[in-house]
Amino acid sequence: MRVTDALSGAVIIAIGLFVFLTASGFPNPGGMPYGASLLPRILGAGLVMGGSLLVLADVVKRKAATTPTAIATLDPELQSPRGLLPAGMVLVLILGQIFLANALG
């Protein structure tokens, strides 16, 4: 699957907001103006800014384009069984790792 920079940027913005908001609940040590939340909040803000730049660049590129394009398209290789097999194997191996990790150690 191929996605545009706008969709990737939106996901990065969401992750950055999650990191920023989660880190804002970290406690500060007594008497210090900063604490454990400083670095994650800086990183979260950086993710939001980077994702915003991706979205902005994609919007500008789409306005300049003469033909409209889809936000996400399915890779032509995934439409054949020969291309679908490796993608399915990756999914099966990831799920196997998740479910068998405790039993295998």
N, C-alpha and C. Protein backbone atom coordinates (compact mmCIF):
# COMPACT_ATOMS: atom_id res chain seq x y z
N MET A 1 0.85 -1.16 0.00
CA MET A 1 0.00 0.00 0.00
C MET A 1 0.89 1.22 0.00
N ARG A 2 0.54 2.16 -0.79
CA ARG A 2 1.27 3.41 -0.86
C ARG A 2 0.37 4.52 -0.35
N VAL A 3 0.90 5.31 0.55
CA VAL A 3 0.12 6.41 1.11
C VAL A 3 0.84 7.72 0.84
N THR A 4 0.09 8.80 0.84
CA THR A 4 0.68 10.10 0.59
C THR A 4 1.35 10.64 1.84
N ASP A 5 2.13 11.69 1.66
CA ASP A 5 2.79 12.32 2.79
C ASP A 5 1.78 12.94 3.75
N ALA A 6 0.63 13.36 3.25
CA ALA A 6 -0.38 13.96 4.12
C ALA A 6 -0.90 12.93 5.13
N LEU A 7 -1.14 11.72 4.69
CA LEU A 7 -1.63 10.68 5.59
C LEU A 7 -0.54 10.27 6.58
N SER A 8 0.69 10.14 6.09
CA SER A 8 1.81 9.82 7.00
C SER A 8 2.00 10.94 8.01
N GLY A 9 1.91 12.18 7.56
CA GLY A 9 2.05 13.32 8.46
C GLY A 9 0.96 13.36 9.51
N ALA A 10 -0.27 13.00 9.13
CA ALA A 10 -1.36 12.99 10.09
C ALA A 10 -1.13 11.94 11.17
N VAL A 11 -0.59 10.79 10.78
CA VAL A 11 -0.28 9.74 11.77
C VAL A 11 0.83 10.22 12.70
N ILE A 12 1.85 10.87 12.16
CA ILE A 12 2.95 11.38 12.98
C ILE A 12 2.45 12.46 13.94
N ILE A 13 1.54 13.31 13.48
CA ILE A 13 0.95 14.34 14.35
C ILE A 13 0.19 13.68 15.50
N ALA A 14 -0.59 12.64 15.19
CA ALA A 14 -1.35 11.95 16.23
C ALA A 14 -0.42 11.31 17.27
N ILE A 15 0.67 10.70 16.80
CA ILE A 15 1.63 10.10 17.73
C ILE A 15 2.28 11.18 18.58
N GLY A 16 2.65 12.30 17.97
CA GLY A 16 3.27 13.40 18.71
C GLY A 16 2.34 13.97 19.76
N LEU A 17 1.06 14.13 19.42
CA LEU A 17 0.10 14.62 20.41
C LEU A 17 -0.07 13.64 21.56
N PHE A 18 -0.10 12.35 21.24
CA PHE A 18 -0.21 11.34 22.28
C PHE A 18 0.99 11.40 23.23
N VAL A 19 2.19 11.48 22.67
CA VAL A 19 3.40 11.54 23.49
C VAL A 19 3.38 12.80 24.35
N PHE A 20 3.04 13.93 23.75
CA PHE A 20 3.04 15.20 24.48
C PHE A 20 2.03 15.19 25.62
N LEU A 21 0.81 14.74 25.33
CA LEU A 21 -0.23 14.73 26.36
C LEU A 21 0.04 13.70 27.45
N THR A 22 0.59 12.57 27.07
CA THR A 22 0.92 11.55 28.07
C THR A 22 2.04 12.04 28.98
N ALA A 23 3.05 12.68 28.41
CA ALA A 23 4.19 13.16 29.19
C ALA A 23 3.82 14.32 30.10
N SER A 24 2.80 15.06 29.75
CA SER A 24 2.42 16.20 30.59
C SER A 24 1.88 15.75 31.95
N GLY A 25 1.55 14.49 32.08
CA GLY A 25 1.08 13.97 33.36
C GLY A 25 2.19 13.44 34.26
N PHE A 26 3.44 13.46 33.76
CA PHE A 26 4.56 12.99 34.58
C PHE A 26 4.81 13.96 35.73
N PRO A 27 5.16 13.46 36.91
CA PRO A 27 5.38 14.36 38.05
C PRO A 27 6.72 15.10 37.95
N ASN A 28 6.75 16.31 38.49
CA ASN A 28 7.99 17.09 38.59
C ASN A 28 8.58 16.88 39.97
N PRO A 29 9.90 16.75 40.06
CA PRO A 29 10.51 16.65 41.38
C PRO A 29 10.34 17.97 42.13
N GLY A 30 10.29 17.90 43.43
CA GLY A 30 10.05 19.09 44.23
C GLY A 30 11.10 20.17 44.04
N GLY A 31 10.64 21.38 43.83
CA GLY A 31 11.52 22.53 43.72
C GLY A 31 12.18 22.73 42.38
N MET A 32 11.90 21.88 41.39
CA MET A 32 12.53 22.04 40.07
C MET A 32 11.48 22.47 39.04
N PRO A 33 11.85 23.38 38.15
CA PRO A 33 10.89 23.84 37.15
C PRO A 33 10.66 22.82 36.03
N TYR A 34 11.50 21.81 35.93
CA TYR A 34 11.34 20.79 34.90
C TYR A 34 11.57 19.42 35.54
N GLY A 35 11.13 18.40 34.83
CA GLY A 35 11.27 17.05 35.40
C GLY A 35 11.33 16.02 34.30
N ALA A 36 10.74 14.87 34.58
CA ALA A 36 10.80 13.74 33.66
C ALA A 36 9.99 13.99 32.39
N SER A 37 9.12 14.99 32.39
CA SER A 37 8.28 15.22 31.23
C SER A 37 8.92 16.11 30.18
N LEU A 38 10.06 16.70 30.48
CA LEU A 38 10.65 17.68 29.56
C LEU A 38 11.03 17.06 28.22
N LEU A 39 11.86 16.02 28.22
CA LEU A 39 12.32 15.43 26.96
C LEU A 39 11.17 14.84 26.14
N PRO A 40 10.26 14.05 26.73
CA PRO A 40 9.15 13.54 25.91
C PRO A 40 8.26 14.64 25.34
N ARG A 41 8.10 15.72 26.07
CA ARG A 41 7.29 16.83 25.55
C ARG A 41 7.99 17.53 24.39
N ILE A 42 9.31 17.68 24.49
CA ILE A 42 10.07 18.27 23.39
C ILE A 42 9.98 17.36 22.16
N LEU A 43 10.14 16.07 22.35
CA LEU A 43 10.04 15.12 21.24
C LEU A 43 8.64 15.10 20.64
N GLY A 44 7.62 15.14 21.49
CA GLY A 44 6.24 15.16 20.99
C GLY A 44 5.97 16.41 20.18
N ALA A 45 6.46 17.56 20.65
CA ALA A 45 6.29 18.81 19.90
C ALA A 45 7.04 18.74 18.57
N GLY A 46 8.22 18.13 18.57
CA GLY A 46 8.97 17.97 17.33
C GLY A 46 8.25 17.07 16.33
N LEU A 47 7.63 16.01 16.83
CA LEU A 47 6.84 15.13 15.95
C LEU A 47 5.65 15.88 15.35
N VAL A 48 4.99 16.68 16.16
CA VAL A 48 3.85 17.45 15.65
C VAL A 48 4.31 18.44 14.58
N MET A 49 5.43 19.11 14.83
CA MET A 49 5.93 20.07 13.83
C MET A 49 6.37 19.37 12.56
N GLY A 50 7.08 18.25 12.68
CA GLY A 50 7.51 17.51 11.49
C GLY A 50 6.33 16.96 10.70
N GLY A 51 5.34 16.43 11.39
CA GLY A 51 4.15 15.93 10.72
C GLY A 51 3.38 17.04 10.02
N SER A 52 3.34 18.20 10.65
CA SER A 52 2.67 19.36 10.03
C SER A 52 3.37 19.78 8.75
N LEU A 53 4.71 19.74 8.77
CA LEU A 53 5.46 20.08 7.56
C LEU A 53 5.20 19.07 6.45
N LEU A 54 5.09 17.79 6.80
CA LEU A 54 4.75 16.78 5.78
C LEU A 54 3.38 17.04 5.17
N VAL A 55 2.41 17.32 6.01
CA VAL A 55 1.05 17.59 5.51
C VAL A 55 1.06 18.83 4.63
N LEU A 56 1.72 19.89 5.08
CA LEU A 56 1.77 21.14 4.32
C LEU A 56 2.45 20.93 2.97
N ALA A 57 3.57 20.22 2.95
CA ALA A 57 4.27 19.96 1.69
C ALA A 57 3.40 19.16 0.73
N ASP A 58 2.66 18.19 1.25
CA ASP A 58 1.80 17.38 0.38
C ASP A 58 0.64 18.20 -0.17
N VAL A 59 0.09 19.06 0.66
CA VAL A 59 -1.01 19.92 0.19
C VAL A 59 -0.52 20.84 -0.93
N VAL A 60 0.66 21.43 -0.76
CA VAL A 60 1.21 22.31 -1.79
C VAL A 60 1.48 21.52 -3.07
N LYS A 61 2.04 20.31 -2.92
CA LYS A 61 2.32 19.47 -4.09
C LYS A 61 1.04 19.09 -4.81
N ARG A 62 -0.02 18.80 -4.06
CA ARG A 62 -1.29 18.42 -4.68
C ARG A 62 -1.94 19.60 -5.40
N LYS A 63 -1.80 20.81 -4.85
CA LYS A 63 -2.38 21.98 -5.53
C LYS A 63 -1.66 22.27 -6.84
N ALA A 64 -0.35 21.99 -6.88
CA ALA A 64 0.42 22.25 -8.09
C ALA A 64 0.21 21.16 -9.14
N ALA A 65 -0.24 19.99 -8.73
CA ALA A 65 -0.42 18.87 -9.66
C ALA A 65 -1.61 19.14 -10.57
N THR A 66 -1.49 18.66 -11.80
CA THR A 66 -2.58 18.87 -12.76
C THR A 66 -3.64 17.77 -12.67
N THR A 67 -3.24 16.57 -12.23
CA THR A 67 -4.20 15.48 -12.09
C THR A 67 -4.33 15.10 -10.62
N PRO A 68 -5.55 14.89 -10.15
CA PRO A 68 -5.72 14.50 -8.75
C PRO A 68 -5.25 13.06 -8.53
N THR A 69 -4.71 12.82 -7.34
CA THR A 69 -4.26 11.48 -6.97
C THR A 69 -4.96 11.05 -5.68
N ALA A 70 -5.03 9.75 -5.48
CA ALA A 70 -5.68 9.22 -4.28
C ALA A 70 -4.75 9.35 -3.08
N ILE A 71 -5.34 9.39 -1.89
CA ILE A 71 -4.55 9.49 -0.67
C ILE A 71 -3.81 8.18 -0.41
N ALA A 72 -4.45 7.06 -0.67
CA ALA A 72 -3.82 5.76 -0.49
C ALA A 72 -4.19 4.87 -1.66
N THR A 73 -3.20 4.15 -2.17
CA THR A 73 -3.45 3.22 -3.27
C THR A 73 -2.84 1.88 -2.93
N LEU A 74 -3.43 0.83 -3.45
CA LEU A 74 -2.93 -0.51 -3.24
C LEU A 74 -1.83 -0.77 -4.26
N ASP A 75 -0.71 -1.25 -3.80
CA ASP A 75 0.43 -1.55 -4.67
C ASP A 75 0.00 -2.62 -5.68
N PRO A 76 0.32 -2.44 -6.96
CA PRO A 76 -0.10 -3.44 -7.95
C PRO A 76 0.43 -4.84 -7.67
N GLU A 77 1.59 -4.95 -7.00
CA GLU A 77 2.12 -6.28 -6.69
C GLU A 77 1.24 -7.03 -5.69
N LEU A 78 0.52 -6.31 -4.86
CA LEU A 78 -0.33 -6.96 -3.86
C LEU A 78 -1.64 -7.48 -4.46
N GLN A 79 -1.88 -7.21 -5.71
CA GLN A 79 -3.10 -7.68 -6.35
C GLN A 79 -2.94 -9.06 -6.96
N SER A 80 -1.72 -9.61 -6.92
CA SER A 80 -1.50 -10.95 -7.43
C SER A 80 -1.12 -11.88 -6.27
N PRO A 81 -1.40 -13.17 -6.39
CA PRO A 81 -1.04 -14.10 -5.31
C PRO A 81 0.46 -14.13 -5.04
N ARG A 82 1.27 -13.95 -6.06
CA ARG A 82 2.72 -13.96 -5.90
C ARG A 82 3.18 -12.79 -5.02
N GLY A 83 2.56 -11.67 -5.10
CA GLY A 83 2.92 -10.53 -4.27
C GLY A 83 2.23 -10.54 -2.92
N LEU A 84 1.09 -11.19 -2.84
CA LEU A 84 0.33 -11.23 -1.60
C LEU A 84 0.92 -12.20 -0.58
N LEU A 85 1.60 -13.23 -1.05
CA LEU A 85 2.17 -14.24 -0.16
C LEU A 85 3.21 -13.65 0.81
N PRO A 86 4.20 -12.87 0.36
CA PRO A 86 5.15 -12.31 1.31
C PRO A 86 4.51 -11.37 2.33
N ALA A 87 3.55 -10.57 1.89
CA ALA A 87 2.86 -9.67 2.82
C ALA A 87 2.08 -10.47 3.86
N GLY A 88 1.44 -11.54 3.44
CA GLY A 88 0.71 -12.39 4.38
C GLY A 88 1.64 -13.09 5.35
N MET A 89 2.80 -13.50 4.89
CA MET A 89 3.76 -14.17 5.75
C MET A 89 4.29 -13.22 6.84
N VAL A 90 4.50 -11.98 6.48
CA VAL A 90 4.94 -10.99 7.47
C VAL A 90 3.88 -10.86 8.56
N LEU A 91 2.63 -10.77 8.16
CA LEU A 91 1.53 -10.66 9.12
C LEU A 91 1.46 -11.89 10.01
N VAL A 92 1.58 -13.08 9.43
CA VAL A 92 1.52 -14.32 10.19
C VAL A 92 2.68 -14.40 11.18
N LEU A 93 3.87 -14.02 10.77
CA LEU A 93 5.03 -14.07 11.65
C LEU A 93 4.92 -13.08 12.81
N ILE A 94 4.40 -11.89 12.53
CA ILE A 94 4.20 -10.91 13.60
C ILE A 94 3.18 -11.42 14.61
N LEU A 95 2.07 -11.94 14.13
CA LEU A 95 1.05 -12.47 15.04
C LEU A 95 1.58 -13.68 15.80
N GLY A 96 2.38 -14.52 15.15
CA GLY A 96 2.98 -15.66 15.83
C GLY A 96 3.90 -15.21 16.95
N GLN A 97 4.68 -14.19 16.69
CA GLN A 97 5.56 -13.64 17.74
C GLN A 97 4.76 -13.12 18.93
N ILE A 98 3.68 -12.43 18.64
CA ILE A 98 2.84 -11.87 19.71
C ILE A 98 2.25 -12.98 20.57
N PHE A 99 1.68 -13.98 19.94
CA PHE A 99 0.95 -15.00 20.68
C PHE A 99 1.84 -16.11 21.27
N LEU A 100 3.02 -16.31 20.68
CA LEU A 100 3.87 -17.40 21.15
C LEU A 100 5.06 -16.92 21.98
N ALA A 101 5.19 -15.62 22.20
CA ALA A 101 6.34 -15.10 22.93
C ALA A 101 6.43 -15.64 24.34
N ASN A 102 5.33 -15.70 25.06
CA ASN A 102 5.36 -16.20 26.44
C ASN A 102 5.67 -17.70 26.48
N ALA A 103 5.12 -18.45 25.57
CA ALA A 103 5.34 -19.89 25.59
C ALA A 103 6.77 -20.25 25.18
N LEU A 104 7.33 -19.52 24.25
CA LEU A 104 8.67 -19.82 23.77
C LEU A 104 9.76 -19.20 24.62
N GLY A 105 9.44 -18.13 25.33
CA GLY A 105 10.43 -17.50 26.22
C GLY A 105 11.19 -16.50 25.54
